Each structure stands twice: as structure tokens, then as C-alpha cells.
């Protein structure tokens, strides 16, 4: 019988890699220190013209990261569905006397600022991908330095040539530390377009506060959805690999995976294909947090898993 390993960010963290979202935040602030200072400030209609789109995108990401809670990577991804872009828009002035040239000029400047900020928001998704890709590349370079070592407890587990590996990480930790060649990077890896985002199909804004900005909620709803994770493409891309999962897999080893809702499509697909009496193992480290482990087990049951659960030394 064969084994399948499902690896999440906790796998990289267990090996000492700086892959928490707070590390991502630090990487952004290293290049854009003002992103932390101005995170909660709205743009002034006059000052905005001196700001670049990448600076604006950096502020958006830092705001999203700081809005997240906990230590799981999916907390940051989930926060992308709740970014309050309204706070970045300049406030509309009180009713003006449009017969005055000065008020007319202010109104035109305000609408122009809103238009520019709106375009910057659209462009921010492009910059976010660039920020993310550069950060992961830096982490990968640290891994290349060979300052990290494999875990003795995993070397024997990974020795079986029939093992299959599905990782949600972007780093090549399995390849570099354990010499494993065939690894499915479901959300791609260094050198490829990285897939990340929230899983809320119904992400919508509340109505804007009075006199906040002149922009429709539908635009901002579309913007929120632009940060949604693409789970369709990976399923299609690795369809042959998923087809190779069959009833011969009677052991699934989970390592540091959060089982967030957005990734449930992969887990449900796996459960449908493996042995119905398979055992799903979690690391001994995960067993210390009994409540978190209980929730993961409940999710797996809801996804259709009917086998047993177990613990292994990770």
C-alpha cells in the first residue's frame, strides 16, 4: 500500500523557514517603510499625485496583513476578502457652491483623485503578485544556503519510493532537504505565477459611510473578488496526478496544513480517490492543540472521509 503526504506552511515553519505572513509583512516594509506608517491614513486629494502605484499596493497589503489574526497563512489569505478600501479614499467636502470657480476646481480635483485611486487599486493586484513572488524568492535563496537540515523523524518516512507528495508551499523544501524529485506544488513554486488569495465567493462591501467617496460598491466588490484564489486551474493542471491517486493509498500524512475552506476542493478530490479505510495522520506537534485538531477532523468528516485518524512523529 502507498502513502500520500499533504504539506502546508507548518512544514516549512517546522524546518525554520521564515514563511509566516508577518515575515511577508517585514519584507514589504523593508522596501516600503512608509506602508506601515501610512497604513490607516486616507489619501489626500493633493498629496496622492506624488505617490506611485506600488507604494499604494504596499499599503493595501500591510493593512490586510495587520487585519488578520492568528499565525496561520490562511488568516492572511482570508483577510484579503475584507480589506476596507473605502478608508483609502479622500473624504468628500461638504456641499459646495458650484457657482464659485474655487469650489468647481475642488470638485474636479476630488473626482480626478477618486479616478486615479480607483485605477491604482486595480493595478494593486499586479503589484501584490510581484511583492509575493520576490518574497518567496528570497526565502528560497535562504533555503539554497543549506543553513537548514532535514528532520531525522521524516527521513525514514520519506524513503519509500512509492510515496506521493502534494504541497501547498511555494518553496522546494522537499527537494532541497530530502532529495525528493516528484512533488506537486498545487499553487506553483518559485519561478512560476504563485496562486494565493481568499475563498469567499460572496465577498461584498457594506454600504459606504456618508460622504465618504464617490464610487460604486460594485466596483469595490469586483476588486475584492480579484483577490480570490484560483482553485480551478490547479485542478485542471494536475488532473493526471489526481487520477493517479487510488485505493492503494491507505495512509495520508498531514503536516502543518490548515484545511481552510478555499482549499477544500483538493481535499475532497483526494478523499474520493483514496482507500475508504485509509488512516489520516497528523503530527505529534499538532496533537498538542486538541481543539484545532478536533476542528480539522470535523472538516475531514464533512468532506467525506470515513477512515481512522492517527498521530505520527513529525
Foldseek 3Di string as FASTA:
>chain_A
DEEEEEEEPLVVVVQPFPDWVVLLLVLLCVVQVCLVVCLQAADDLVVCVVDDLLNVLNSQLNNLSVVFDDGGNLSSQASLLPRDCLSHQAFADPDDDCVDPVVVVVVVSNVVSVVVVLVSLVCSVVSVQVSVLVSQVVSQVVLVVVPTEDDPQCQVVPPDPRYAYEYCDQHPCCCSHRVDDHHHNLQYHRPDRGWTHHADPPRFDDDDDPRRGPDDRVSVSVSSCVRHTDNPVSCVVCVVVLVPAAQVHQEYEYGSDQCDPNCLVVLLSNQVHYHLAHEYEYEPVVVVPVVSVVVVVVSSVVSPRDYHYYYGHD
